[in-house]
N, C-alpha and C. Protein backbone atom coordinates (compact mmCIF):
# COMPACT_ATOMS: atom_id res chain seq x y z
N MET A 1 -3.82 -53.57 -122.72
CA MET A 1 -2.84 -52.63 -122.20
C MET A 1 -1.68 -53.41 -121.60
N ILE A 2 -0.47 -53.03 -121.97
CA ILE A 2 0.72 -53.69 -121.47
C ILE A 2 1.39 -52.75 -120.48
N ALA A 3 1.65 -53.26 -119.29
CA ALA A 3 2.34 -52.46 -118.27
C ALA A 3 3.77 -52.97 -118.14
N SER A 4 4.65 -52.07 -117.86
CA SER A 4 6.05 -52.44 -117.70
C SER A 4 6.53 -51.90 -116.36
N VAL A 5 7.27 -52.71 -115.65
CA VAL A 5 7.83 -52.30 -114.37
C VAL A 5 9.33 -52.13 -114.55
N GLN A 6 9.85 -50.98 -114.16
CA GLN A 6 11.28 -50.69 -114.28
C GLN A 6 11.92 -50.76 -112.90
N SER A 7 13.08 -51.40 -112.82
CA SER A 7 13.82 -51.39 -111.56
C SER A 7 14.63 -50.11 -111.50
N ILE A 8 15.07 -49.74 -110.31
CA ILE A 8 15.85 -48.52 -110.13
C ILE A 8 17.14 -48.57 -110.95
N GLU A 9 17.72 -49.76 -111.12
CA GLU A 9 18.93 -49.89 -111.93
C GLU A 9 18.69 -49.50 -113.38
N ASN A 10 17.49 -49.78 -113.89
CA ASN A 10 17.15 -49.43 -115.26
C ASN A 10 16.88 -47.94 -115.42
N LEU A 11 16.62 -47.26 -114.32
CA LEU A 11 16.28 -45.84 -114.37
C LEU A 11 17.45 -44.94 -114.02
N THR A 12 18.61 -45.52 -113.72
CA THR A 12 19.75 -44.70 -113.33
C THR A 12 20.96 -44.99 -114.21
N LEU A 13 21.83 -44.02 -114.23
CA LEU A 13 23.09 -44.13 -114.96
C LEU A 13 24.16 -43.50 -114.08
N ASN A 14 25.26 -44.18 -113.89
CA ASN A 14 26.39 -43.66 -113.12
C ASN A 14 27.67 -43.97 -113.87
N LEU A 15 28.41 -42.93 -114.19
CA LEU A 15 29.65 -43.09 -114.92
C LEU A 15 30.70 -42.19 -114.30
N THR A 16 31.88 -42.72 -114.07
CA THR A 16 33.00 -41.93 -113.55
C THR A 16 34.22 -42.21 -114.42
N GLN A 17 34.94 -41.15 -114.77
CA GLN A 17 36.19 -41.27 -115.51
C GLN A 17 37.21 -40.35 -114.88
N GLU A 18 38.46 -40.80 -114.82
CA GLU A 18 39.57 -39.95 -114.37
C GLU A 18 40.55 -39.81 -115.51
N ILE A 19 40.94 -38.57 -115.77
CA ILE A 19 41.85 -38.28 -116.86
C ILE A 19 43.03 -37.51 -116.29
N HIS A 20 44.24 -37.98 -116.51
CA HIS A 20 45.44 -37.28 -116.08
C HIS A 20 45.93 -36.41 -117.23
N VAL A 21 46.05 -35.12 -116.97
CA VAL A 21 46.40 -34.15 -118.01
C VAL A 21 47.74 -33.52 -117.65
N ARG A 22 48.67 -33.51 -118.58
CA ARG A 22 49.97 -32.89 -118.37
C ARG A 22 49.88 -31.41 -118.75
N ALA A 23 49.10 -30.68 -117.97
CA ALA A 23 48.92 -29.24 -118.18
C ALA A 23 48.39 -28.64 -116.88
N SER A 24 48.44 -27.33 -116.79
CA SER A 24 47.98 -26.65 -115.58
C SER A 24 46.46 -26.73 -115.43
N LEU A 25 46.00 -26.40 -114.22
CA LEU A 25 44.56 -26.32 -113.98
C LEU A 25 43.91 -25.34 -114.95
N ASP A 26 44.50 -24.14 -115.09
CA ASP A 26 43.91 -23.12 -115.95
C ASP A 26 43.83 -23.58 -117.40
N ALA A 27 44.90 -24.18 -117.91
CA ALA A 27 44.90 -24.65 -119.30
C ALA A 27 43.89 -25.77 -119.50
N THR A 28 43.76 -26.64 -118.52
CA THR A 28 42.81 -27.75 -118.62
C THR A 28 41.38 -27.25 -118.57
N PHE A 29 41.11 -26.29 -117.69
CA PHE A 29 39.75 -25.75 -117.60
C PHE A 29 39.38 -25.03 -118.90
N ALA A 30 40.30 -24.25 -119.45
CA ALA A 30 40.05 -23.56 -120.72
C ALA A 30 39.79 -24.58 -121.84
N ALA A 31 40.57 -25.65 -121.85
CA ALA A 31 40.39 -26.70 -122.86
C ALA A 31 39.03 -27.37 -122.70
N LEU A 32 38.60 -27.57 -121.47
CA LEU A 32 37.29 -28.16 -121.20
C LEU A 32 36.19 -27.31 -121.81
N LEU A 33 36.21 -26.01 -121.57
CA LEU A 33 35.18 -25.12 -122.11
C LEU A 33 35.19 -25.11 -123.64
N GLU A 34 36.37 -25.19 -124.23
CA GLU A 34 36.47 -25.25 -125.70
C GLU A 34 35.91 -26.57 -126.23
N GLU A 35 36.27 -27.65 -125.56
CA GLU A 35 35.92 -28.99 -126.05
C GLU A 35 34.43 -29.27 -125.93
N ILE A 36 33.79 -28.82 -124.88
CA ILE A 36 32.34 -29.05 -124.77
C ILE A 36 31.56 -27.92 -125.42
N GLY A 37 32.27 -26.92 -125.90
CA GLY A 37 31.65 -25.77 -126.55
C GLY A 37 31.90 -25.77 -128.04
N PRO A 38 32.53 -24.71 -128.55
CA PRO A 38 32.63 -24.52 -130.00
C PRO A 38 33.48 -25.56 -130.73
N ARG A 39 34.37 -26.27 -130.05
CA ARG A 39 35.22 -27.25 -130.71
C ARG A 39 34.72 -28.69 -130.55
N ASN A 40 33.52 -28.85 -130.03
CA ASN A 40 32.96 -30.19 -129.82
C ASN A 40 32.79 -30.90 -131.17
N GLU A 41 32.99 -32.21 -131.15
CA GLU A 41 32.78 -33.01 -132.34
C GLU A 41 32.33 -34.41 -131.94
N THR A 42 31.74 -35.13 -132.89
CA THR A 42 31.29 -36.50 -132.64
C THR A 42 32.50 -37.43 -132.57
N PRO A 43 32.34 -38.63 -132.03
CA PRO A 43 33.44 -39.59 -132.04
C PRO A 43 33.93 -39.92 -133.45
N GLU A 44 33.07 -39.69 -134.45
CA GLU A 44 33.46 -39.93 -135.84
C GLU A 44 34.20 -38.74 -136.44
N GLY A 45 34.41 -37.67 -135.66
CA GLY A 45 35.15 -36.51 -136.12
C GLY A 45 34.32 -35.45 -136.82
N LYS A 46 32.99 -35.57 -136.78
CA LYS A 46 32.12 -34.57 -137.40
C LYS A 46 31.88 -33.44 -136.41
N PRO A 47 31.91 -32.19 -136.89
CA PRO A 47 31.67 -31.05 -135.98
C PRO A 47 30.29 -31.15 -135.32
N LEU A 48 30.26 -30.89 -134.02
CA LEU A 48 29.02 -30.81 -133.24
C LEU A 48 29.17 -29.61 -132.32
N PRO A 49 29.30 -28.41 -132.94
CA PRO A 49 29.58 -27.23 -132.11
C PRO A 49 28.44 -26.94 -131.14
N MET A 50 28.84 -26.66 -129.91
CA MET A 50 27.91 -26.36 -128.83
C MET A 50 28.22 -24.97 -128.30
N LYS A 51 27.29 -24.43 -127.56
CA LYS A 51 27.52 -23.16 -126.87
C LYS A 51 27.40 -23.42 -125.38
N ILE A 52 28.34 -22.90 -124.62
CA ILE A 52 28.30 -22.98 -123.16
C ILE A 52 28.43 -21.57 -122.62
N GLU A 53 27.44 -21.17 -121.85
CA GLU A 53 27.48 -19.88 -121.18
C GLU A 53 28.06 -20.16 -119.80
N ALA A 54 29.36 -19.96 -119.65
CA ALA A 54 30.11 -20.41 -118.47
C ALA A 54 29.90 -19.48 -117.29
N ARG A 55 28.69 -19.54 -116.74
CA ARG A 55 28.32 -18.78 -115.55
C ARG A 55 27.15 -19.51 -114.89
N PRO A 56 26.91 -19.31 -113.59
CA PRO A 56 25.79 -19.99 -112.95
C PRO A 56 24.48 -19.70 -113.68
N GLY A 57 23.75 -20.76 -113.99
CA GLY A 57 22.49 -20.62 -114.72
C GLY A 57 22.66 -20.55 -116.22
N GLY A 58 23.90 -20.47 -116.70
CA GLY A 58 24.15 -20.39 -118.14
C GLY A 58 23.70 -21.65 -118.85
N ARG A 59 23.36 -21.50 -120.11
CA ARG A 59 22.88 -22.63 -120.90
C ARG A 59 24.03 -23.36 -121.59
N TRP A 60 23.80 -24.64 -121.82
CA TRP A 60 24.67 -25.46 -122.66
C TRP A 60 23.76 -26.06 -123.72
N TYR A 61 24.02 -25.70 -124.99
CA TYR A 61 23.10 -26.11 -126.03
C TYR A 61 23.78 -26.19 -127.39
N ARG A 62 23.14 -26.91 -128.28
CA ARG A 62 23.57 -26.97 -129.67
C ARG A 62 22.76 -25.94 -130.42
N ASP A 63 23.45 -24.99 -131.02
CA ASP A 63 22.80 -23.91 -131.75
C ASP A 63 22.84 -24.23 -133.23
N LEU A 64 21.66 -24.46 -133.82
CA LEU A 64 21.57 -24.78 -135.24
C LEU A 64 21.26 -23.54 -136.08
N GLY A 65 21.19 -22.38 -135.43
CA GLY A 65 20.90 -21.14 -136.13
C GLY A 65 19.41 -20.89 -136.27
N GLU A 66 19.06 -19.65 -136.50
CA GLU A 66 17.67 -19.24 -136.70
C GLU A 66 16.75 -19.73 -135.58
N ASP A 67 17.25 -19.65 -134.35
CA ASP A 67 16.51 -20.07 -133.15
C ASP A 67 16.13 -21.55 -133.15
N ASN A 68 16.93 -22.38 -133.80
CA ASN A 68 16.77 -23.83 -133.78
C ASN A 68 17.94 -24.41 -132.99
N GLY A 69 17.70 -25.55 -132.37
CA GLY A 69 18.78 -26.19 -131.64
C GLY A 69 18.29 -27.24 -130.67
N HIS A 70 19.15 -27.60 -129.74
CA HIS A 70 18.85 -28.64 -128.75
C HIS A 70 19.45 -28.22 -127.42
N PHE A 71 18.60 -28.04 -126.43
CA PHE A 71 19.04 -27.67 -125.08
C PHE A 71 19.60 -28.89 -124.38
N TRP A 72 20.81 -28.77 -123.82
CA TRP A 72 21.43 -29.87 -123.10
C TRP A 72 21.39 -29.67 -121.60
N GLY A 73 21.54 -28.44 -121.11
CA GLY A 73 21.52 -28.25 -119.67
C GLY A 73 21.85 -26.84 -119.26
N HIS A 74 21.87 -26.63 -117.95
CA HIS A 74 22.26 -25.37 -117.33
C HIS A 74 23.50 -25.59 -116.47
N VAL A 75 24.34 -24.56 -116.40
CA VAL A 75 25.47 -24.60 -115.49
C VAL A 75 24.90 -24.48 -114.08
N GLN A 76 25.06 -25.52 -113.30
CA GLN A 76 24.57 -25.54 -111.92
C GLN A 76 25.58 -24.90 -110.99
N ALA A 77 26.86 -25.17 -111.26
CA ALA A 77 27.93 -24.61 -110.42
C ALA A 77 29.17 -24.45 -111.28
N ILE A 78 29.90 -23.37 -111.02
CA ILE A 78 31.16 -23.16 -111.70
C ILE A 78 32.09 -22.46 -110.72
N LYS A 79 33.29 -22.96 -110.61
CA LYS A 79 34.32 -22.36 -109.77
C LYS A 79 35.64 -22.54 -110.51
N ARG A 80 35.97 -21.53 -111.29
CA ARG A 80 37.19 -21.60 -112.12
C ARG A 80 38.42 -21.69 -111.24
N PRO A 81 39.36 -22.54 -111.53
CA PRO A 81 39.44 -23.56 -112.56
C PRO A 81 39.24 -24.97 -112.02
N THR A 82 38.45 -25.13 -110.97
CA THR A 82 38.38 -26.44 -110.32
C THR A 82 37.03 -27.16 -110.42
N LEU A 83 35.97 -26.49 -110.90
CA LEU A 83 34.66 -27.15 -110.91
C LEU A 83 33.78 -26.62 -112.03
N LEU A 84 33.15 -27.54 -112.74
CA LEU A 84 32.07 -27.23 -113.67
C LEU A 84 31.02 -28.30 -113.50
N GLU A 85 29.80 -27.88 -113.19
CA GLU A 85 28.71 -28.82 -112.98
C GLU A 85 27.52 -28.37 -113.81
N ILE A 86 26.94 -29.31 -114.55
CA ILE A 86 25.82 -29.03 -115.45
C ILE A 86 24.69 -29.99 -115.13
N THR A 87 23.46 -29.48 -115.16
CA THR A 87 22.30 -30.33 -114.96
C THR A 87 21.33 -30.12 -116.12
N GLY A 88 20.70 -31.19 -116.57
CA GLY A 88 19.75 -31.11 -117.66
C GLY A 88 19.58 -32.44 -118.36
N PRO A 89 18.83 -32.47 -119.45
CA PRO A 89 18.58 -33.73 -120.17
C PRO A 89 19.75 -34.17 -121.05
N LEU A 90 20.69 -33.27 -121.31
CA LEU A 90 21.82 -33.52 -122.21
C LEU A 90 21.32 -33.93 -123.58
N PHE A 91 21.83 -35.03 -124.11
CA PHE A 91 21.50 -35.49 -125.46
C PHE A 91 20.23 -36.31 -125.51
N MET A 92 19.55 -36.47 -124.36
CA MET A 92 18.39 -37.34 -124.28
C MET A 92 17.10 -36.51 -124.34
N SER A 93 16.31 -36.71 -125.38
CA SER A 93 15.07 -35.95 -125.56
C SER A 93 13.86 -36.76 -125.08
N TYR A 94 13.89 -37.07 -123.81
CA TYR A 94 12.80 -37.79 -123.18
C TYR A 94 12.90 -37.57 -121.67
N PRO A 95 11.98 -38.12 -120.86
CA PRO A 95 11.97 -37.81 -119.42
C PRO A 95 13.21 -38.34 -118.69
N VAL A 96 14.18 -37.45 -118.51
CA VAL A 96 15.42 -37.80 -117.83
C VAL A 96 16.08 -36.51 -117.34
N VAL A 97 16.81 -36.61 -116.26
CA VAL A 97 17.62 -35.49 -115.79
C VAL A 97 19.01 -36.03 -115.50
N SER A 98 20.00 -35.25 -115.89
CA SER A 98 21.39 -35.65 -115.70
C SER A 98 22.11 -34.60 -114.87
N ASN A 99 23.17 -35.04 -114.21
CA ASN A 99 24.11 -34.16 -113.55
C ASN A 99 25.48 -34.57 -114.06
N VAL A 100 26.19 -33.60 -114.65
CA VAL A 100 27.55 -33.82 -115.14
C VAL A 100 28.46 -32.96 -114.30
N GLN A 101 29.50 -33.56 -113.78
CA GLN A 101 30.42 -32.83 -112.90
C GLN A 101 31.85 -33.07 -113.33
N TYR A 102 32.56 -31.95 -113.55
CA TYR A 102 34.00 -31.98 -113.79
C TYR A 102 34.68 -31.35 -112.59
N ARG A 103 35.52 -32.10 -111.92
CA ARG A 103 36.34 -31.58 -110.83
C ARG A 103 37.79 -31.67 -111.27
N LEU A 104 38.52 -30.58 -111.11
CA LEU A 104 39.92 -30.52 -111.51
C LEU A 104 40.77 -30.26 -110.28
N SER A 105 41.87 -30.99 -110.16
CA SER A 105 42.78 -30.78 -109.04
C SER A 105 44.22 -30.97 -109.52
N GLN A 106 45.15 -30.28 -108.85
CA GLN A 106 46.56 -30.43 -109.19
C GLN A 106 47.04 -31.80 -108.73
N LYS A 107 47.80 -32.46 -109.59
CA LYS A 107 48.31 -33.77 -109.23
C LYS A 107 49.53 -34.09 -110.09
N ASP A 108 50.59 -34.47 -109.45
CA ASP A 108 51.80 -34.96 -110.14
C ASP A 108 52.25 -34.01 -111.26
N GLY A 109 52.33 -32.73 -110.98
CA GLY A 109 52.81 -31.77 -111.97
C GLY A 109 51.83 -31.47 -113.07
N GLY A 110 50.60 -31.90 -112.93
CA GLY A 110 49.59 -31.65 -113.95
C GLY A 110 48.22 -31.51 -113.30
N THR A 111 47.22 -31.97 -113.99
CA THR A 111 45.84 -31.86 -113.52
C THR A 111 45.17 -33.22 -113.55
N LEU A 112 44.44 -33.53 -112.49
CA LEU A 112 43.57 -34.70 -112.48
C LEU A 112 42.16 -34.20 -112.76
N LEU A 113 41.58 -34.65 -113.84
CA LEU A 113 40.22 -34.30 -114.22
C LEU A 113 39.33 -35.47 -113.83
N THR A 114 38.46 -35.26 -112.86
CA THR A 114 37.54 -36.31 -112.42
C THR A 114 36.16 -35.96 -112.94
N PHE A 115 35.60 -36.87 -113.72
CA PHE A 115 34.34 -36.67 -114.42
C PHE A 115 33.29 -37.62 -113.86
N HIS A 116 32.10 -37.09 -113.58
CA HIS A 116 30.95 -37.92 -113.14
C HIS A 116 29.74 -37.54 -113.98
N HIS A 117 29.02 -38.55 -114.46
CA HIS A 117 27.72 -38.33 -115.10
C HIS A 117 26.74 -39.27 -114.41
N THR A 118 25.76 -38.68 -113.76
CA THR A 118 24.68 -39.46 -113.16
C THR A 118 23.38 -39.01 -113.81
N ALA A 119 22.46 -39.94 -113.99
CA ALA A 119 21.18 -39.62 -114.62
C ALA A 119 20.09 -40.46 -113.99
N LEU A 120 18.89 -39.91 -114.05
CA LEU A 120 17.70 -40.60 -113.55
C LEU A 120 16.58 -40.37 -114.54
N GLY A 121 15.96 -41.45 -114.99
CA GLY A 121 14.85 -41.33 -115.92
C GLY A 121 14.74 -42.55 -116.81
N LEU A 122 13.99 -42.39 -117.89
CA LEU A 122 13.76 -43.47 -118.83
C LEU A 122 14.88 -43.48 -119.87
N ILE A 123 16.01 -44.04 -119.49
CA ILE A 123 17.22 -43.99 -120.30
C ILE A 123 17.19 -45.11 -121.35
N LEU A 124 17.24 -44.71 -122.61
CA LEU A 124 17.20 -45.68 -123.71
C LEU A 124 18.48 -46.51 -123.72
N ASP A 125 18.35 -47.78 -124.12
CA ASP A 125 19.50 -48.68 -124.16
C ASP A 125 20.62 -48.16 -125.05
N ASP A 126 20.28 -47.60 -126.21
CA ASP A 126 21.31 -47.08 -127.11
C ASP A 126 22.12 -45.97 -126.43
N HIS A 127 21.46 -45.10 -125.69
CA HIS A 127 22.17 -44.04 -124.98
C HIS A 127 23.01 -44.63 -123.85
N ARG A 128 22.46 -45.58 -123.14
CA ARG A 128 23.20 -46.22 -122.04
C ARG A 128 24.47 -46.89 -122.57
N LYS A 129 24.40 -47.51 -123.74
CA LYS A 129 25.55 -48.20 -124.32
C LYS A 129 26.59 -47.22 -124.86
N GLY A 130 26.14 -46.10 -125.42
CA GLY A 130 27.05 -45.18 -126.07
C GLY A 130 27.66 -44.13 -125.18
N VAL A 131 27.11 -43.95 -123.98
CA VAL A 131 27.53 -42.83 -123.13
C VAL A 131 29.00 -42.94 -122.70
N THR A 132 29.47 -44.12 -122.40
CA THR A 132 30.86 -44.27 -121.95
C THR A 132 31.84 -43.84 -123.04
N GLY A 133 31.63 -44.33 -124.24
CA GLY A 133 32.52 -43.98 -125.34
C GLY A 133 32.41 -42.51 -125.73
N GLY A 134 31.20 -41.97 -125.69
CA GLY A 134 31.01 -40.57 -126.03
C GLY A 134 31.74 -39.64 -125.07
N TRP A 135 31.58 -39.88 -123.77
CA TRP A 135 32.27 -39.04 -122.79
C TRP A 135 33.78 -39.26 -122.85
N LYS A 136 34.20 -40.50 -123.09
CA LYS A 136 35.64 -40.77 -123.19
C LYS A 136 36.23 -39.96 -124.34
N HIS A 137 35.52 -39.89 -125.45
CA HIS A 137 35.98 -39.12 -126.60
C HIS A 137 36.12 -37.64 -126.23
N ILE A 138 35.12 -37.07 -125.60
CA ILE A 138 35.16 -35.66 -125.20
C ILE A 138 36.29 -35.42 -124.20
N ASN A 139 36.38 -36.26 -123.19
CA ASN A 139 37.38 -36.07 -122.14
C ASN A 139 38.80 -36.25 -122.66
N GLU A 140 38.97 -37.16 -123.61
CA GLU A 140 40.29 -37.32 -124.23
C GLU A 140 40.61 -36.09 -125.07
N GLY A 141 39.59 -35.50 -125.69
CA GLY A 141 39.79 -34.26 -126.44
C GLY A 141 40.23 -33.12 -125.54
N VAL A 142 39.68 -33.05 -124.32
CA VAL A 142 40.10 -32.04 -123.35
C VAL A 142 41.58 -32.23 -123.03
N ARG A 143 41.96 -33.48 -122.77
CA ARG A 143 43.36 -33.76 -122.44
C ARG A 143 44.29 -33.33 -123.58
N LYS A 144 43.98 -33.73 -124.78
CA LYS A 144 44.82 -33.42 -125.94
C LYS A 144 44.91 -31.89 -126.15
N ARG A 145 43.78 -31.22 -126.06
CA ARG A 145 43.75 -29.76 -126.27
C ARG A 145 44.58 -29.05 -125.21
N ALA A 146 44.42 -29.45 -123.93
CA ALA A 146 45.15 -28.81 -122.85
C ALA A 146 46.66 -29.05 -122.98
N GLU A 147 47.03 -30.29 -123.30
CA GLU A 147 48.45 -30.61 -123.42
C GLU A 147 49.08 -29.93 -124.63
N ALA A 148 48.33 -29.74 -125.69
CA ALA A 148 48.85 -29.05 -126.87
C ALA A 148 49.06 -27.56 -126.59
N ALA A 149 48.28 -27.01 -125.68
CA ALA A 149 48.35 -25.57 -125.37
C ALA A 149 49.39 -25.23 -124.33
N ARG A 150 49.91 -26.21 -123.62
CA ARG A 150 50.84 -25.92 -122.53
C ARG A 150 52.17 -25.41 -123.06
N PRO A 151 52.82 -24.59 -122.29
CA PRO A 151 54.14 -24.09 -122.72
C PRO A 151 55.15 -25.23 -122.79
N ARG A 152 56.01 -25.18 -123.74
CA ARG A 152 57.03 -26.23 -123.91
C ARG A 152 58.26 -25.93 -123.11
């Protein structure tokens, strides 16, 4: 029998990103719900449509049809247009819990989107390596969508 000892650093994940968006709070929040929901896609540009029930306790999941899919989390807190917080395993199908938090605030004529992802559990190295780029892709998509929707 082989035993393995994990340090707390190996069991946690902490990621923070700040995105400056040249759009209103409302436009940015709407873009966020679209980007993590029906307009979600992989970094390679392949559709990865998700469903987000934007209310406390609402589910965030990938719906593959015919009652198939992948549960990502529950909306823990929502306060339009300044906060969306989700808790759950996200894309990790093993013993782990994540907290994803989007905080939006007015800044310099636009919106500052502050993103945090913290996780605790048996986080695979591939997921640990890919998480920064994956969230950056989604968050950049939010920025682009919100700025494209703003009035000219």
